[in-house]
Amino acid sequence: MKHPSHPEIVKRLRRAEGHLKSTLAMFDEGRGCLDLAQQLHAVEAAIASAKRELIHDHIAHCLQDGVNEGALDARTIVDELKALTKYL
């Protein structure tokens, strides 16, 4: 299911992809470890941001809408939230 937030998430992942490509190029260039660590941190931050947005979107849309529409019961919601916690 596609949500309105998915294009923004894809943008964040593309940013992470760019950071990763830059990091790989930096390794090939023999850049210093501090520069490499900084670039890897940027990759991690971009991916973490995309993941966080996806999880928040899932809670706000899929779970909340399911509750509002009466399609999901409390047990299903709790199980889903428990499953999501392993990705936090």
Protein backbone atom coordinates (compact mmCIF):
# COMPACT_ATOMS: atom_id res chain seq x y z
CA MET A 1 0.00 0.00 0.00
CA LYS A 2 1.39 3.40 -0.98
CA HIS A 3 1.04 6.30 1.45
CA PRO A 4 1.47 10.03 0.86
CA SER A 5 4.71 9.94 2.86
CA HIS A 6 6.37 7.30 0.67
CA PRO A 7 7.83 9.80 -1.87
CA GLU A 8 9.55 11.63 1.00
CA ILE A 9 10.88 8.33 2.35
CA VAL A 10 12.22 7.43 -1.09
CA LYS A 11 13.90 10.86 -1.22
CA ARG A 12 15.63 10.13 2.09
CA LEU A 13 16.75 6.73 0.85
CA ARG A 14 18.11 8.25 -2.35
CA ARG A 15 20.05 10.69 -0.18
CA ALA A 16 21.46 7.73 1.76
CA GLU A 17 22.32 6.06 -1.53
CA GLY A 18 24.23 9.18 -2.59
CA HIS A 19 26.10 9.26 0.71
CA LEU A 20 26.98 5.59 0.33
CA LYS A 21 28.27 6.09 -3.22
CA SER A 22 30.36 9.01 -1.99
CA THR A 23 31.71 6.89 0.82
CA LEU A 24 32.73 4.11 -1.55
CA ALA A 25 34.47 6.64 -3.77
CA MET A 26 36.25 8.05 -0.74
CA PHE A 27 37.56 4.58 0.11
CA ASP A 28 38.86 4.24 -3.45
CA GLU A 29 40.55 7.65 -3.13
CA GLY A 30 42.24 6.61 0.11
CA ARG A 31 40.57 9.32 2.19
CA GLY A 32 41.16 9.50 5.92
CA CYS A 33 39.25 7.47 8.48
CA LEU A 34 37.68 10.55 10.07
CA ASP A 35 36.20 11.62 6.73
CA LEU A 36 35.01 8.07 6.10
CA ALA A 37 33.42 7.79 9.53
CA GLN A 38 31.63 11.11 9.01
CA GLN A 39 30.27 9.97 5.66
CA LEU A 40 29.17 6.61 7.08
CA HIS A 41 27.40 8.47 9.86
CA ALA A 42 25.49 10.44 7.21
CA VAL A 43 24.45 7.16 5.54
CA GLU A 44 23.22 5.76 8.85
CA ALA A 45 21.35 8.94 9.73
CA ALA A 46 19.57 9.08 6.37
CA ILE A 47 18.49 5.43 6.60
CA ALA A 48 17.41 5.79 10.24
CA SER A 49 15.36 8.85 9.31
CA ALA A 50 13.64 6.99 6.48
CA LYS A 51 12.93 4.01 8.73
CA ARG A 52 11.52 6.19 11.48
CA GLU A 53 9.25 8.01 9.04
CA LEU A 54 8.01 4.70 7.60
CA ILE A 55 7.21 3.31 11.06
CA HIS A 56 5.46 6.51 12.16
CA ASP A 57 3.50 6.55 8.92
CA HIS A 58 2.47 2.93 9.41
CA ILE A 59 1.25 3.65 12.93
CA ALA A 60 -0.58 6.83 11.91
CA HIS A 61 -2.20 5.45 8.79
CA CYS A 62 -2.43 1.68 8.78
CA LEU A 63 -2.98 1.10 12.48
CA GLN A 64 -4.86 4.27 13.40
CA ASP A 65 -7.08 4.09 10.32
CA GLY A 66 -7.73 0.42 11.04
CA VAL A 67 -8.87 1.30 14.54
CA ASN A 68 -10.99 4.22 13.36
CA GLU A 69 -12.66 2.09 10.70
CA GLY A 70 -13.18 -0.81 13.08
CA ALA A 71 -11.12 -3.10 10.87
CA LEU A 72 -8.50 -3.88 13.53
CA ASP A 73 -9.03 -5.07 17.07
CA ALA A 74 -6.87 -4.23 20.07
CA ARG A 75 -5.02 -7.57 19.99
CA THR A 76 -4.02 -7.05 16.36
CA ILE A 77 -2.82 -3.52 17.11
CA VAL A 78 -0.73 -4.66 20.07
CA ASP A 79 0.78 -7.53 18.07
CA GLU A 80 1.65 -5.17 15.24
CA LEU A 81 3.24 -2.64 17.59
CA LYS A 82 5.26 -5.40 19.25
CA ALA A 83 6.48 -6.52 15.84
CA LEU A 84 7.47 -2.95 14.96
CA THR A 85 9.55 -2.51 18.11
CA LYS A 86 12.24 -4.85 16.82
CA TYR A 87 12.94 -2.30 14.07
CA LEU A 88 13.34 0.69 16.39
